[in-house]
PDB file of N, CA and C in Angstrom:
ATOM      1  N   MET A   1      81.171  94.953  74.742  1.00  0.00           N
ATOM      2  CA  MET A   1      80.597  96.244  75.018  1.00  0.00           C
ATOM      3  C   MET A   1      81.487  97.321  74.432  1.00  0.00           C
ATOM      4  N   SER A   2      80.968  98.158  73.630  1.00  0.00           N
ATOM      5  CA  SER A   2      81.705  99.221  72.958  1.00  0.00           C
ATOM      6  C   SER A   2      81.463 100.533  73.695  1.00  0.00           C
ATOM      7  N   THR A   3      82.518 101.330  73.764  1.00  0.00           N
ATOM      8  CA  THR A   3      82.347 102.634  74.404  1.00  0.00           C
ATOM      9  C   THR A   3      82.347 103.717  73.341  1.00  0.00           C
ATOM     10  N   ASP A   4      81.674 104.762  73.639  1.00  0.00           N
ATOM     11  CA  ASP A   4      81.634 105.937  72.771  1.00  0.00           C
ATOM     12  C   ASP A   4      83.055 106.510  72.689  1.00  0.00           C
ATOM     13  N   PRO A   5      83.518 106.903  71.479  1.00  0.00           N
ATOM     14  CA  PRO A   5      84.860 107.475  71.368  1.00  0.00           C
ATOM     15  C   PRO A   5      85.075 108.663  72.305  1.00  0.00           C
ATOM     16  N   ALA A   6      84.042 109.455  72.533  1.00  0.00           N
ATOM     17  CA  ALA A   6      84.166 110.582  73.459  1.00  0.00           C
ATOM     18  C   ALA A   6      84.453 110.073  74.871  1.00  0.00           C
ATOM     19  N   ASP A   7      83.815 108.949  75.238  1.00  0.00           N
ATOM     20  CA  ASP A   7      84.078 108.355  76.546  1.00  0.00           C
ATOM     21  C   ASP A   7      85.527 107.889  76.635  1.00  0.00           C
ATOM     22  N   SER A   8      86.031 107.313  75.554  1.00  0.00           N
ATOM     23  CA  SER A   8      87.417 106.841  75.535  1.00  0.00           C
ATOM     24  C   SER A   8      88.394 107.998  75.719  1.00  0.00           C
ATOM     25  N   VAL A   9      88.125 109.110  75.070  1.00  0.00           N
ATOM     26  CA  VAL A   9      88.986 110.290  75.214  1.00  0.00           C
ATOM     27  C   VAL A   9      88.960 110.780  76.656  1.00  0.00           C
ATOM     28  N   GLN A  10      87.772 110.821  77.225  1.00  0.00           N
ATOM     29  CA  GLN A  10      87.627 111.265  78.604  1.00  0.00           C
ATOM     30  C   GLN A  10      88.327 110.304  79.563  1.00  0.00           C
ATOM     31  N   ILE A  11      88.183 109.021  79.316  1.00  0.00           N
ATOM     32  CA  ILE A  11      88.825 108.008  80.169  1.00  0.00           C
ATOM     33  C   ILE A  11      90.341 108.091  80.033  1.00  0.00           C
ATOM     34  N   ASP A  12      90.835 108.274  78.797  1.00  0.00           N
ATOM     35  CA  ASP A  12      92.279 108.440  78.603  1.00  0.00           C
ATOM     36  C   ASP A  12      92.789 109.646  79.375  1.00  0.00           C
ATOM     37  N   ALA A  13      92.035 110.731  79.352  1.00  0.00           N
ATOM     38  CA  ALA A  13      92.431 111.937  80.090  1.00  0.00           C
ATOM     39  C   ALA A  13      92.490 111.657  81.588  1.00  0.00           C
ATOM     40  N   LEU A  14      91.522 110.882  82.083  1.00  0.00           N
ATOM     41  CA  LEU A  14      91.531 110.539  83.503  1.00  0.00           C
ATOM     42  C   LEU A  14      92.740 109.682  83.857  1.00  0.00           C
ATOM     43  N   PHE A  15      93.079 108.719  82.998  1.00  0.00           N
ATOM     44  CA  PHE A  15      94.278 107.904  83.228  1.00  0.00           C
ATOM     45  C   PHE A  15      95.532 108.779  83.231  1.00  0.00           C
ATOM     46  N   ASP A  16      95.598 109.737  82.299  1.00  0.00           N
ATOM     47  CA  ASP A  16      96.757 110.629  82.232  1.00  0.00           C
ATOM     48  C   ASP A  16      96.906 111.441  83.519  1.00  0.00           C
ATOM     49  N   VAL A  17      95.809 111.974  84.011  1.00  0.00           N
ATOM     50  CA  VAL A  17      95.847 112.755  85.247  1.00  0.00           C
ATOM     51  C   VAL A  17      96.212 111.859  86.423  1.00  0.00           C
ATOM     52  N   ALA A  18      95.597 110.695  86.519  1.00  0.00           N
ATOM     53  CA  ALA A  18      95.862 109.784  87.626  1.00  0.00           C
ATOM     54  C   ALA A  18      97.317 109.323  87.643  1.00  0.00           C
ATOM     55  N   SER A  19      97.919 109.194  86.484  1.00  0.00           N
ATOM     56  CA  SER A  19      99.310 108.734  86.409  1.00  0.00           C
ATOM     57  C   SER A  19     100.296 109.782  86.918  1.00  0.00           C
ATOM     58  N   GLN A  20      99.828 110.981  87.133  1.00  0.00           N
ATOM     59  CA  GLN A  20     100.705 112.051  87.614  1.00  0.00           C
ATOM     60  C   GLN A  20     100.816 112.095  89.135  1.00  0.00           C
ATOM     61  N   GLU A  21     100.118 111.202  89.816  1.00  0.00           N
ATOM     62  CA  GLU A  21     100.147 111.225  91.280  1.00  0.00           C
ATOM     63  C   GLU A  21     101.553 111.009  91.834  1.00  0.00           C
ATOM     64  N   ALA A  22     102.247 109.983  91.386  1.00  0.00           N
ATOM     65  CA  ALA A  22     103.581 109.693  91.915  1.00  0.00           C
ATOM     66  C   ALA A  22     104.566 110.825  91.644  1.00  0.00           C
ATOM     67  N   PRO A  23     104.637 111.361  90.405  1.00  0.00           N
ATOM     68  CA  PRO A  23     105.544 112.480  90.190  1.00  0.00           C
ATOM     69  C   PRO A  23     105.170 113.713  91.028  1.00  0.00           C
ATOM     70  N   ALA A  24     103.875 113.933  91.225  1.00  0.00           N
ATOM     71  CA  ALA A  24     103.441 115.067  92.043  1.00  0.00           C
ATOM     72  C   ALA A  24     103.888 114.880  93.494  1.00  0.00           C
ATOM     73  N   LEU A  25     103.778 113.656  93.998  1.00  0.00           N
ATOM     74  CA  LEU A  25     104.237 113.377  95.363  1.00  0.00           C
ATOM     75  C   LEU A  25     105.741 113.549  95.478  1.00  0.00           C
ATOM     76  N   ASP A  26     106.480 113.120  94.464  1.00  0.00           N
ATOM     77  CA  ASP A  26     107.937 113.325  94.458  1.00  0.00           C
ATOM     78  C   ASP A  26     108.266 114.809  94.478  1.00  0.00           C
ATOM     79  N   ASP A  27     107.565 115.596  93.650  1.00  0.00           N
ATOM     80  CA  ASP A  27     107.785 117.046  93.629  1.00  0.00           C
ATOM     81  C   ASP A  27     107.493 117.660  94.993  1.00  0.00           C
ATOM     82  N   LEU A  28     106.411 117.224  95.603  1.00  0.00           N
ATOM     83  CA  LEU A  28     106.033 117.736  96.917  1.00  0.00           C
ATOM     84  C   LEU A  28     107.080 117.369  97.961  1.00  0.00           C
ATOM     85  N   ASP A  29     107.553 116.141  97.919  1.00  0.00           N
ATOM     86  CA  ASP A  29     108.584 115.696  98.862  1.00  0.00           C
ATOM     87  C   ASP A  29     109.855 116.524  98.693  1.00  0.00           C
ATOM     88  N   ASN A  30     110.252 116.757  97.432  1.00  0.00           N
ATOM     89  CA  ASN A  30     111.442 117.568  97.175  1.00  0.00           C
ATOM     90  C   ASN A  30     111.246 119.002  97.651  1.00  0.00           C
ATOM     91  N   ALA A  31     110.063 119.548  97.431  1.00  0.00           N
ATOM     92  CA  ALA A  31     109.779 120.914  97.878  1.00  0.00           C
ATOM     93  C   ALA A  31     109.819 120.990  99.401  1.00  0.00           C
ATOM     94  N   LEU A  32     109.281 120.001 100.068  1.00  0.00           N
ATOM     95  CA  LEU A  32     109.291 119.978 101.524  1.00  0.00           C
ATOM     96  C   LEU A  32     110.719 119.883 102.050  1.00  0.00           C
ATOM     97  N   THR A  33     111.537 119.087 101.407  1.00  0.00           N
ATOM     98  CA  THR A  33     112.942 118.977 101.796  1.00  0.00           C
ATOM     99  C   THR A  33     113.646 120.318 101.642  1.00  0.00           C
ATOM    100  N   ARG A  34     113.411 121.001 100.506  1.00  0.00           N
ATOM    101  CA  ARG A  34     114.016 122.327 100.298  1.00  0.00           C
ATOM    102  C   ARG A  34     113.532 123.319 101.342  1.00  0.00           C
ATOM    103  N   LEU A  35     112.250 123.263 101.667  1.00  0.00           N
ATOM    104  CA  LEU A  35     111.697 124.166 102.669  1.00  0.00           C
ATOM    105  C   LEU A  35     112.330 123.923 104.036  1.00  0.00           C
ATOM    106  N   LYS A  36     112.490 122.673 104.414  1.00  0.00           N
ATOM    107  CA  LYS A  36     113.120 122.356 105.696  1.00  0.00           C
ATOM    108  C   LYS A  36     114.559 122.836 105.736  1.00  0.00           C
ATOM    109  N   ARG A  37     115.280 122.655 104.628  1.00  0.00           N
ATOM    110  CA  ARG A  37     116.677 123.127 104.567  1.00  0.00           C
ATOM    111  C   ARG A  37     116.741 124.641 104.650  1.00  0.00           C
ATOM    112  N   ALA A  38     115.813 125.323 103.976  1.00  0.00           N
ATOM    113  CA  ALA A  38     115.791 126.789 104.012  1.00  0.00           C
ATOM    114  C   ALA A  38     115.501 127.285 105.421  1.00  0.00           C
ATOM    115  N   ARG A  39     114.557 126.660 106.098  1.00  0.00           N
ATOM    116  CA  ARG A  39     114.233 127.076 107.468  1.00  0.00           C
ATOM    117  C   ARG A  39     115.395 126.803 108.418  1.00  0.00           C
ATOM    118  N   ALA A  40     116.072 125.681 108.237  1.00  0.00           N
ATOM    119  CA  ALA A  40     117.233 125.378 109.074  1.00  0.00           C
ATOM    120  C   ALA A  40     118.341 126.400 108.845  1.00  0.00           C
ATOM    121  N   ALA A  41     118.541 126.770 107.590  1.00  0.00           N
ATOM    122  CA  ALA A  41     119.567 127.771 107.279  1.00  0.00           C
ATOM    123  C   ALA A  41     119.201 129.121 107.891  1.00  0.00           C
ATOM    124  N   LYS A  42     117.940 129.507 107.785  1.00  0.00           N
ATOM    125  CA  LYS A  42     117.504 130.772 108.393  1.00  0.00           C
ATOM    126  C   LYS A  42     117.699 130.750 109.904  1.00  0.00           C
ATOM    127  N   SER A  43     117.396 129.625 110.503  1.00  0.00           N
ATOM    128  CA  SER A  43     117.574 129.498 111.950  1.00  0.00           C
ATOM    129  C   SER A  43     119.043 129.659 112.324  1.00  0.00           C
ATOM    130  N   GLU A  44     119.910 129.024 111.550  1.00  0.00           N
ATOM    131  CA  GLU A  44     121.342 129.132 111.818  1.00  0.00           C
ATOM    132  C   GLU A  44     121.837 130.564 111.600  1.00  0.00           C
ATOM    133  N   LEU A  45     121.376 131.194 110.533  1.00  0.00           N
ATOM    134  CA  LEU A  45     121.770 132.583 110.277  1.00  0.00           C
ATOM    135  C   LEU A  45     121.282 133.517 111.374  1.00  0.00           C
ATOM    136  N   SER A  46     120.127 133.217 111.958  1.00  0.00           N
ATOM    137  CA  SER A  46     119.585 134.090 113.008  1.00  0.00           C
ATOM    138  C   SER A  46     120.451 134.071 114.261  1.00  0.00           C
ATOM    139  N   ARG A  47     121.311 133.077 114.389  1.00  0.00           N
ATOM    140  CA  ARG A  47     122.190 132.986 115.555  1.00  0.00           C
ATOM    141  C   ARG A  47     123.459 133.822 115.400  1.00  0.00           C
ATOM    142  N   LEU A  48     123.714 134.314 114.194  1.00  0.00           N
ATOM    143  CA  LEU A  48     124.887 135.164 113.990  1.00  0.00           C
ATOM    144  C   LEU A  48     124.661 136.505 114.666  1.00  0.00           C
ATOM    145  N   GLY A  49     125.703 137.080 115.179  1.00  0.00           N
ATOM    146  CA  GLY A  49     125.585 138.428 115.716  1.00  0.00           C
ATOM    147  C   GLY A  49     125.356 139.411 114.576  1.00  0.00           C
ATOM    148  N   ALA A  50     124.780 140.550 114.893  1.00  0.00           N
ATOM    149  CA  ALA A  50     124.471 141.546 113.865  1.00  0.00           C
ATOM    150  C   ALA A  50     125.694 141.958 113.057  1.00  0.00           C
ATOM    151  N   PRO A  51     126.842 142.250 113.699  1.00  0.00           N
ATOM    152  CA  PRO A  51     128.018 142.650 112.902  1.00  0.00           C
ATOM    153  C   PRO A  51     128.478 141.553 111.930  1.00  0.00           C
ATOM    154  N   THR A  52     128.470 140.311 112.395  1.00  0.00           N
ATOM    155  CA  THR A  52     128.886 139.195 111.535  1.00  0.00           C
ATOM    156  C   THR A  52     127.893 139.006 110.399  1.00  0.00           C
ATOM    157  N   PHE A  53     126.620 139.060 110.721  1.00  0.00           N
ATOM    158  CA  PHE A  53     125.591 138.909 109.697  1.00  0.00           C
ATOM    159  C   PHE A  53     125.734 139.987 108.633  1.00  0.00           C
ATOM    160  N   ARG A  54     125.878 141.230 109.069  1.00  0.00           N
ATOM    161  CA  ARG A  54     126.001 142.360 108.132  1.00  0.00           C
ATOM    162  C   ARG A  54     127.240 142.194 107.249  1.00  0.00           C
ATOM    163  N   ARG A  55     128.371 141.843 107.871  1.00  0.00           N
ATOM    164  CA  ARG A  55     129.627 141.671 107.127  1.00  0.00           C
ATOM    165  C   ARG A  55     129.482 140.563 106.074  1.00  0.00           C
ATOM    166  N   GLN A  56     128.883 139.444 106.468  1.00  0.00           N
ATOM    167  CA  GLN A  56     128.716 138.342 105.531  1.00  0.00           C
ATOM    168  C   GLN A  56     127.712 138.672 104.430  1.00  0.00           C
ATOM    169  N   LEU A  57     126.692 139.405 104.779  1.00  0.00           N
ATOM    170  CA  LEU A  57     125.710 139.828 103.772  1.00  0.00           C
ATOM    171  C   LEU A  57     126.368 140.740 102.737  1.00  0.00           C
ATOM    172  N   LEU A  58     127.159 141.678 103.208  1.00  0.00           N
ATOM    173  CA  LEU A  58     127.865 142.575 102.278  1.00  0.00           C
ATOM    174  C   LEU A  58     128.872 141.803 101.421  1.00  0.00           C
ATOM    175  N   ARG A  59     129.544 140.836 102.030  1.00  0.00           N
ATOM    176  CA  ARG A  59     130.487 140.004 101.268  1.00  0.00           C
ATOM    177  C   ARG A  59     129.762 139.268 100.147  1.00  0.00           C
ATOM    178  N   ARG A  60     128.615 138.691 100.475  1.00  0.00           N
ATOM    179  CA  ARG A  60     127.834 137.967  99.457  1.00  0.00           C
ATOM    180  C   ARG A  60     127.362 138.903  98.363  1.00  0.00           C
ATOM    181  N   ARG A  61     126.836 140.041  98.753  1.00  0.00           N
ATOM    182  CA  ARG A  61     126.338 140.996  97.754  1.00  0.00           C
ATOM    183  C   ARG A  61     127.457 141.457  96.834  1.00  0.00           C
ATOM    184  N   GLY A  62     128.620 141.685  97.396  1.00  0.00           N
ATOM    185  CA  GLY A  62     129.753 142.119  96.579  1.00  0.00           C
ATOM    186  C   GLY A  62     130.193 141.064  95.598  1.00  0.00           C
ATOM    187  N   LYS A  63     130.267 139.842  96.044  1.00  0.00           N
ATOM    188  CA  LYS A  63     130.701 138.752  95.152  1.00  0.00           C
ATOM    189  C   LYS A  63     129.675 138.480  94.074  1.00  0.00           C
ATOM    190  N   THR A  64     128.396 138.468  94.445  1.00  0.00           N
ATOM    191  CA  THR A  64     127.384 138.179  93.429  1.00  0.00           C
ATOM    192  C   THR A  64     127.252 139.336  92.453  1.00  0.00           C
ATOM    193  N   ALA A  65     127.443 140.563  92.921  1.00  0.00           N
ATOM    194  CA  ALA A  65     127.368 141.727  92.034  1.00  0.00           C
ATOM    195  C   ALA A  65     128.512 141.707  91.022  1.00  0.00           C
ATOM    196  N   LEU A  66     129.665 141.160  91.440  1.00  0.00           N
ATOM    197  CA  LEU A  66     130.826 141.098  90.567  1.00  0.00           C
ATOM    198  C   LEU A  66     130.853 139.802  89.739  1.00  0.00           C
ATOM    199  N   GLY A  67     129.864 138.954  89.946  1.00  0.00           N
ATOM    200  CA  GLY A  67     129.805 137.706  89.201  1.00  0.00           C
ATOM    201  C   GLY A  67     130.722 136.626  89.740  1.00  0.00           C
ATOM    202  N   GLY A  68     131.228 136.819  90.942  1.00  0.00           N
ATOM    203  CA  GLY A  68     132.116 135.821  91.540  1.00  0.00           C
ATOM    204  C   GLY A  68     131.337 134.733  92.228  1.00  0.00           C
ATOM    205  N   ASP A  69     132.089 133.708  92.613  1.00  0.00           N
ATOM    206  CA  ASP A  69     131.422 132.643  93.366  1.00  0.00           C
ATOM    207  C   ASP A  69     131.363 133.022  94.840  1.00  0.00           C
ATOM    208  N   LEU A  70     130.679 132.199  95.598  1.00  0.00           N
ATOM    209  CA  LEU A  70     130.483 132.512  97.005  1.00  0.00           C
ATOM    210  C   LEU A  70     131.344 131.644  97.911  1.00  0.00           C
ATOM    211  N   ALA A  71     132.343 130.992  97.361  1.00  0.00           N
ATOM    212  CA  ALA A  71     133.185 130.092  98.157  1.00  0.00           C
ATOM    213  C   ALA A  71     134.050 130.839  99.131  1.00  0.00           C
TER     214      ALA A  71
END
């Protein structure tokens, strides 16, 4: 049974799209991990007192503005 070349192109495209499922799931898993880490960090930062938070925020802004590291 022979297939129309147009059908073959369409089928190849479907295989290409279907083969992206695993990488897409990996990307989603990585994004979810980053989101969980970001939310945990925000939660931890929310526990800082206002003076400490402000001081640390200014420290970060100063270092990043000067091109320094944040260590």
